[in-house]
């Protein structure tokens, strides 16, 4: 139940953040607060996960497409716990480590490039 509440709060924050971004343009990551980065990370992850779910059920996938989806699944599986860790830091008021942040951003970049 607590995880559902956290996810609901993050969705609400993500919607509010998205509206703000649309009105003022998206900030560069270097100017985002840890809370904004957490929302951005979860937003990118969610959009990539949704894309994966849409693509993976297609019956006429080529071998290349299947390989890309396998890579995408691997990246999604690897980055999600890191995003949860990052959000956990932010929720407690602690600053996430730069290493964790960099690892997440690199994995999200990898997802976006697939």
Protein backbone atom coordinates (compact mmCIF):
# COMPACT_ATOMS: atom_id res chain seq x y z
CA UNK A 1 0.00 0.00 0.00
CA UNK A 2 2.83 2.41 0.85
CA UNK A 3 4.45 1.79 -2.56
CA UNK A 4 1.13 2.62 -4.23
CA UNK A 5 0.93 5.86 -2.25
CA UNK A 6 4.50 6.79 -3.19
CA UNK A 7 3.80 6.03 -6.85
CA UNK A 8 0.57 8.06 -6.73
CA UNK A 9 2.40 11.03 -5.22
CA UNK A 10 5.11 10.72 -7.88
CA UNK A 11 2.51 10.63 -10.65
CA UNK A 12 0.89 13.78 -9.27
CA UNK A 13 4.26 15.50 -8.98
CA UNK A 14 5.14 14.34 -12.50
CA UNK A 15 1.94 15.83 -13.92
CA UNK A 16 2.50 19.14 -12.13
CA UNK A 17 6.14 19.16 -13.24
CA UNK A 18 5.16 18.35 -16.83
CA UNK A 19 2.66 21.22 -16.91
CA UNK A 20 5.33 23.56 -15.58
CA UNK A 21 7.81 22.35 -18.19
CA UNK A 22 5.32 22.90 -20.98
CA UNK A 23 4.69 26.44 -19.80
CA UNK A 24 8.31 27.42 -19.25
CA UNK A 25 10.37 24.98 -21.27
CA UNK A 26 12.29 22.05 -19.87
CA UNK A 27 15.25 22.84 -17.64
CA UNK A 28 18.60 21.27 -18.33
CA UNK A 29 19.42 18.46 -15.89
CA UNK A 30 22.19 20.56 -14.38
CA UNK A 31 19.60 23.11 -13.23
CA UNK A 32 17.07 20.62 -11.84
CA UNK A 33 16.63 19.94 -8.15
CA UNK A 34 16.96 16.33 -7.00
CA UNK A 35 13.15 16.16 -6.81
CA UNK A 36 12.80 17.38 -10.38
CA UNK A 37 15.45 14.91 -11.53
CA UNK A 38 13.58 12.08 -9.79
CA UNK A 39 10.39 13.03 -11.61
CA UNK A 40 12.25 13.31 -14.91
CA UNK A 41 13.92 9.92 -14.39
CA UNK A 42 10.62 8.24 -13.59
CA UNK A 43 8.95 9.96 -16.54
CA UNK A 44 11.60 8.75 -19.00
CA UNK A 45 11.50 5.26 -17.51
CA UNK A 46 7.70 5.11 -17.69
CA UNK A 47 7.56 6.29 -21.29
CA UNK A 48 10.20 3.74 -22.31
CA UNK A 49 8.46 0.96 -20.39
CA UNK A 50 5.14 1.84 -22.03
CA UNK A 51 6.83 1.81 -25.44
CA UNK A 52 8.37 -1.58 -24.66
CA UNK A 53 4.98 -3.01 -23.68
CA UNK A 54 3.45 -1.79 -26.96
CA UNK A 55 6.25 -3.14 -29.11
CA UNK A 56 6.80 -6.53 -27.48
CA UNK A 57 3.30 -7.82 -28.26
CA UNK A 58 3.59 -7.24 -31.99
CA UNK A 59 3.42 -10.59 -33.77
CA UNK A 60 5.53 -9.67 -36.81
CA UNK A 61 8.78 -8.54 -35.18
CA UNK A 62 12.01 -9.09 -37.05
CA UNK A 63 15.00 -10.67 -35.32
CA UNK A 64 16.64 -7.24 -35.12
CA UNK A 65 13.56 -5.78 -33.45
CA UNK A 66 13.45 -8.69 -31.01
CA UNK A 67 17.10 -8.11 -30.12
CA UNK A 68 16.45 -4.42 -29.52
CA UNK A 69 13.52 -5.28 -27.28
CA UNK A 70 15.68 -7.74 -25.33
CA UNK A 71 18.24 -4.97 -24.80
CA UNK A 72 15.49 -2.55 -23.81
CA UNK A 73 14.10 -5.05 -21.28
CA UNK A 74 17.58 -5.54 -19.84
CA UNK A 75 18.12 -1.79 -19.52
CA UNK A 76 14.67 -1.28 -17.98
CA UNK A 77 15.33 -4.05 -15.47
CA UNK A 78 18.72 -2.62 -14.53
CA UNK A 79 17.72 1.02 -14.17
CA UNK A 80 14.46 0.68 -12.22
CA UNK A 81 16.04 -0.29 -8.87
CA UNK A 82 18.49 2.59 -9.27
CA UNK A 83 15.62 5.04 -9.82
CA UNK A 84 13.87 3.64 -6.73
CA UNK A 85 17.10 4.14 -4.76
CA UNK A 86 17.38 7.71 -6.04
CA UNK A 87 13.76 8.43 -5.13
CA UNK A 88 14.36 6.90 -1.70
CA UNK A 89 17.22 9.32 -1.11
CA UNK A 90 15.10 12.25 -2.25
CA UNK A 91 12.14 11.18 -0.09
CA UNK A 92 14.33 11.16 3.03
CA UNK A 93 15.89 14.51 2.20
CA UNK A 94 19.32 13.00 1.58
CA UNK A 95 21.29 13.93 -1.49
CA UNK A 96 21.74 11.05 -3.92
CA UNK A 97 25.33 10.32 -4.85
CA UNK A 98 26.63 11.68 -8.13
CA UNK A 99 27.65 8.12 -9.06
CA UNK A 100 24.07 6.88 -8.70
CA UNK A 101 22.73 9.84 -10.64
CA UNK A 102 25.28 9.37 -13.43
CA UNK A 103 24.56 5.64 -13.65
CA UNK A 104 20.83 6.29 -13.95
CA UNK A 105 21.27 8.99 -16.57
CA UNK A 106 23.62 6.79 -18.61
CA UNK A 107 21.14 3.91 -18.49
CA UNK A 108 18.26 6.20 -19.48
CA UNK A 109 20.35 7.54 -22.37
CA UNK A 110 20.98 3.95 -23.41
CA UNK A 111 17.23 3.27 -23.30
CA UNK A 112 16.48 6.33 -25.37
CA UNK A 113 19.00 5.28 -27.99
CA UNK A 114 17.42 1.84 -28.52
